[in-house]
N, C-alpha and C. Protein backbone atom coordinates (compact mmCIF):
# COMPACT_ATOMS: atom_id res chain seq x y z
N MET A 1 -4.96 38.32 25.73
CA MET A 1 -4.00 39.35 26.08
C MET A 1 -4.44 39.96 27.42
N MET A 2 -3.55 39.96 28.38
CA MET A 2 -3.89 40.41 29.72
C MET A 2 -3.98 41.92 29.82
N TYR A 3 -3.03 42.64 29.22
CA TYR A 3 -3.02 44.10 29.28
C TYR A 3 -3.60 44.65 27.98
N GLN A 4 -4.68 45.39 28.10
CA GLN A 4 -5.34 45.93 26.91
C GLN A 4 -5.60 47.41 27.08
N TYR A 5 -5.42 48.15 25.99
CA TYR A 5 -5.78 49.55 25.98
C TYR A 5 -7.29 49.62 25.80
N ARG A 6 -7.95 50.55 26.50
CA ARG A 6 -9.39 50.67 26.45
C ARG A 6 -9.80 52.12 26.23
N CYS A 7 -10.95 52.30 25.61
CA CYS A 7 -11.53 53.61 25.42
C CYS A 7 -12.10 54.09 26.77
N ALA A 8 -11.84 55.35 27.10
CA ALA A 8 -12.33 55.87 28.38
C ALA A 8 -13.84 56.12 28.36
N CYS A 9 -14.42 56.28 27.18
CA CYS A 9 -15.86 56.56 27.09
C CYS A 9 -16.71 55.29 27.10
N CYS A 10 -16.41 54.35 26.20
CA CYS A 10 -17.27 53.18 26.06
C CYS A 10 -16.61 51.88 26.55
N ASN A 11 -15.40 51.95 27.07
CA ASN A 11 -14.68 50.81 27.61
C ASN A 11 -14.42 49.72 26.55
N GLN A 12 -14.39 50.11 25.30
CA GLN A 12 -14.11 49.22 24.18
C GLN A 12 -12.60 48.95 24.12
N VAL A 13 -12.20 47.71 23.86
CA VAL A 13 -10.80 47.37 23.71
C VAL A 13 -10.30 47.92 22.37
N VAL A 14 -9.18 48.62 22.40
CA VAL A 14 -8.59 49.18 21.18
C VAL A 14 -7.14 48.76 21.09
N LEU A 15 -6.57 48.86 19.92
CA LEU A 15 -5.15 48.53 19.70
C LEU A 15 -4.30 49.65 20.30
N ALA A 16 -3.06 49.30 20.64
CA ALA A 16 -2.14 50.29 21.20
C ALA A 16 -1.80 51.37 20.16
N SER A 17 -1.87 51.03 18.90
CA SER A 17 -1.53 52.00 17.85
C SER A 17 -2.69 52.91 17.45
N ASP A 18 -3.91 52.60 17.93
CA ASP A 18 -5.09 53.42 17.59
C ASP A 18 -5.04 54.76 18.34
N THR A 19 -5.43 55.82 17.65
CA THR A 19 -5.52 57.13 18.30
C THR A 19 -6.96 57.50 18.59
N THR A 20 -7.93 56.82 17.96
CA THR A 20 -9.34 57.05 18.22
C THR A 20 -10.03 55.71 18.41
N CYS A 21 -11.12 55.73 19.13
CA CYS A 21 -11.92 54.52 19.34
C CYS A 21 -12.73 54.24 18.07
N PRO A 22 -12.71 53.00 17.56
CA PRO A 22 -13.49 52.70 16.37
C PRO A 22 -15.00 52.68 16.63
N LYS A 23 -15.42 52.55 17.87
CA LYS A 23 -16.86 52.47 18.19
C LYS A 23 -17.46 53.86 18.39
N CYS A 24 -16.80 54.73 19.21
CA CYS A 24 -17.41 56.03 19.52
C CYS A 24 -16.61 57.22 18.99
N GLY A 25 -15.40 56.99 18.52
CA GLY A 25 -14.58 58.08 17.98
C GLY A 25 -13.85 58.90 19.00
N SER A 26 -13.85 58.48 20.25
CA SER A 26 -13.19 59.23 21.30
C SER A 26 -11.67 59.15 21.16
N HIS A 27 -10.99 60.21 21.57
CA HIS A 27 -9.53 60.24 21.56
C HIS A 27 -8.94 59.90 22.91
N HIS A 28 -9.77 59.57 23.89
CA HIS A 28 -9.31 59.27 25.24
C HIS A 28 -9.10 57.76 25.38
N ILE A 29 -7.85 57.35 25.20
CA ILE A 29 -7.49 55.94 25.31
C ILE A 29 -6.74 55.74 26.63
N ARG A 30 -7.21 54.81 27.44
CA ARG A 30 -6.58 54.53 28.73
C ARG A 30 -5.49 53.48 28.58
N SER A 31 -4.36 53.74 29.19
CA SER A 31 -3.24 52.81 29.20
C SER A 31 -3.45 51.77 30.29
N PRO A 32 -3.06 50.53 30.06
CA PRO A 32 -3.21 49.51 31.10
C PRO A 32 -2.13 49.62 32.18
N PHE A 33 -1.17 50.50 32.02
CA PHE A 33 -0.06 50.58 32.96
C PHE A 33 -0.19 51.73 33.94
N GLY A 34 -1.25 52.51 33.88
CA GLY A 34 -1.43 53.66 34.77
C GLY A 34 -1.51 53.25 36.23
N PHE A 35 -2.26 52.21 36.54
CA PHE A 35 -2.41 51.76 37.91
C PHE A 35 -1.09 51.25 38.46
N TRP A 36 -0.34 50.49 37.66
CA TRP A 36 0.94 49.95 38.12
C TRP A 36 1.96 51.06 38.34
N PHE A 37 1.93 52.07 37.48
CA PHE A 37 2.83 53.22 37.66
C PHE A 37 2.50 53.92 38.97
N PHE A 38 1.21 54.12 39.25
CA PHE A 38 0.81 54.75 40.51
C PHE A 38 1.28 53.91 41.70
N CYS A 39 1.14 52.60 41.66
CA CYS A 39 1.57 51.75 42.75
C CYS A 39 3.07 51.83 43.00
N CYS A 40 3.85 51.83 41.92
CA CYS A 40 5.30 51.92 42.05
C CYS A 40 5.73 53.25 42.65
N VAL A 41 5.11 54.33 42.19
CA VAL A 41 5.47 55.65 42.72
C VAL A 41 5.05 55.75 44.19
N ALA A 42 3.88 55.23 44.56
CA ALA A 42 3.41 55.26 45.94
C ALA A 42 4.37 54.46 46.85
N CYS A 43 4.82 53.31 46.41
CA CYS A 43 5.77 52.52 47.21
C CYS A 43 7.10 53.25 47.35
N LEU A 44 7.55 53.90 46.30
CA LEU A 44 8.81 54.65 46.38
C LEU A 44 8.68 55.80 47.37
N VAL A 45 7.56 56.50 47.36
CA VAL A 45 7.35 57.62 48.30
C VAL A 45 7.31 57.11 49.73
N ILE A 46 6.65 56.00 49.97
CA ILE A 46 6.59 55.43 51.31
C ILE A 46 7.96 54.99 51.78
N ALA A 47 8.75 54.36 50.91
CA ALA A 47 10.09 53.92 51.27
C ALA A 47 10.98 55.11 51.61
N ILE A 48 10.88 56.18 50.83
CA ILE A 48 11.70 57.38 51.11
C ILE A 48 11.25 58.00 52.43
N GLY A 49 9.95 58.05 52.69
CA GLY A 49 9.45 58.58 53.96
C GLY A 49 9.92 57.80 55.16
N VAL A 50 9.88 56.49 55.07
CA VAL A 50 10.35 55.65 56.17
C VAL A 50 11.85 55.85 56.38
N THR A 51 12.61 55.94 55.31
CA THR A 51 14.05 56.13 55.42
C THR A 51 14.37 57.46 56.08
N PHE A 52 13.72 58.54 55.64
CA PHE A 52 13.97 59.83 56.26
C PHE A 52 13.50 59.85 57.72
N GLY A 53 12.41 59.15 58.03
CA GLY A 53 11.97 59.06 59.42
C GLY A 53 12.98 58.35 60.30
N LYS A 54 13.56 57.27 59.79
CA LYS A 54 14.59 56.56 60.55
C LYS A 54 15.82 57.42 60.74
N LEU A 55 16.23 58.13 59.69
CA LEU A 55 17.38 59.01 59.81
C LEU A 55 17.13 60.14 60.82
N TYR A 56 15.94 60.70 60.80
CA TYR A 56 15.61 61.76 61.75
C TYR A 56 15.65 61.25 63.18
N LEU A 57 15.06 60.09 63.42
CA LEU A 57 15.06 59.54 64.78
C LEU A 57 16.46 59.12 65.21
N LYS A 58 17.31 58.74 64.28
CA LYS A 58 18.68 58.35 64.61
C LYS A 58 19.49 59.57 65.05
N HIS A 59 19.28 60.70 64.40
CA HIS A 59 20.07 61.90 64.70
C HIS A 59 19.41 62.80 65.75
N HIS A 60 18.16 62.55 66.08
CA HIS A 60 17.45 63.32 67.10
C HIS A 60 16.82 62.32 68.08
N PRO A 61 17.64 61.78 68.97
CA PRO A 61 17.11 60.74 69.87
C PRO A 61 16.10 61.33 70.86
N THR A 62 15.22 60.49 71.31
CA THR A 62 14.23 60.88 72.31
C THR A 62 14.86 60.77 73.68
N ASP A 63 14.07 60.95 74.74
CA ASP A 63 14.58 60.89 76.11
C ASP A 63 15.27 59.55 76.36
N GLU A 64 16.29 59.62 77.22
CA GLU A 64 17.07 58.41 77.53
C GLU A 64 16.33 57.52 78.52
N GLY A 65 15.31 58.05 79.20
CA GLY A 65 14.57 57.28 80.19
C GLY A 65 13.70 56.22 79.56
N ALA A 66 12.84 55.70 80.38
CA ALA A 66 11.92 54.67 79.91
C ALA A 66 10.94 55.30 78.92
N PRO A 67 10.53 54.56 77.92
CA PRO A 67 9.58 55.11 76.95
C PRO A 67 8.24 55.41 77.61
N LYS A 68 7.63 56.52 77.23
CA LYS A 68 6.35 56.90 77.80
C LYS A 68 5.22 56.22 77.03
N THR A 69 4.24 55.79 77.79
CA THR A 69 3.08 55.18 77.17
C THR A 69 1.97 56.23 77.06
N ILE A 70 0.93 55.89 76.39
CA ILE A 70 -0.19 56.82 76.21
C ILE A 70 -0.83 57.13 77.56
N THR A 71 -0.92 56.14 78.44
CA THR A 71 -1.52 56.39 79.75
C THR A 71 -0.67 57.34 80.57
N ASP A 72 0.68 57.26 80.45
CA ASP A 72 1.56 58.19 81.17
C ASP A 72 1.34 59.61 80.66
N LEU A 73 1.21 59.77 79.34
CA LEU A 73 1.00 61.10 78.79
C LEU A 73 -0.35 61.67 79.21
N LEU A 74 -1.39 60.84 79.23
CA LEU A 74 -2.71 61.31 79.63
C LEU A 74 -2.75 61.67 81.10
N SER A 75 -2.10 60.86 81.94
CA SER A 75 -2.12 61.15 83.39
C SER A 75 -1.28 62.38 83.70
N SER A 76 -0.19 62.63 82.96
CA SER A 76 0.60 63.84 83.23
C SER A 76 -0.16 65.08 82.78
N GLY A 77 -0.97 65.00 81.75
CA GLY A 77 -1.79 66.13 81.31
C GLY A 77 -2.87 66.47 82.32
N LYS A 78 -3.45 65.44 82.97
CA LYS A 78 -4.47 65.66 83.99
C LYS A 78 -3.87 66.29 85.24
N SER A 79 -2.68 65.82 85.64
CA SER A 79 -2.08 66.37 86.85
C SER A 79 -1.64 67.80 86.66
N GLN A 80 -1.24 68.20 85.44
CA GLN A 80 -0.85 69.57 85.19
C GLN A 80 -2.09 70.47 85.18
N SER A 81 -3.21 69.99 84.68
CA SER A 81 -4.42 70.81 84.61
C SER A 81 -5.06 70.98 85.98
N LEU A 82 -4.81 70.03 86.91
CA LEU A 82 -5.38 70.12 88.25
C LEU A 82 -4.61 71.13 89.11
N ASN A 83 -3.36 71.34 88.85
CA ASN A 83 -2.53 72.24 89.66
C ASN A 83 -2.87 73.68 89.42
C-alpha cells in the first residue's frame, strides 16, 4: 500500500480507522495526504498571483518607450546623485 497513515510519535504504520497507535498509544495520527494538499493549495495560490499580476500589468501599462534595463536604472541613479 503506497499511502499509509502513520503515528506521529513512533512512525508506526496504523490503519485509517485507528484512533490510537497500537505501539505507543498516541492519538496523533498523520494523514498521507497532508503534503499533497499543501502542494495543491500552493499551486493554486501561485496561479492566482500570476493571474492578478497579469491583470494589473494589463490595466496599468508601463512607459511606452523602450524598456529600461538594470544598467540604465543604476546609471540614472548615479547621475542624479552627482548633480
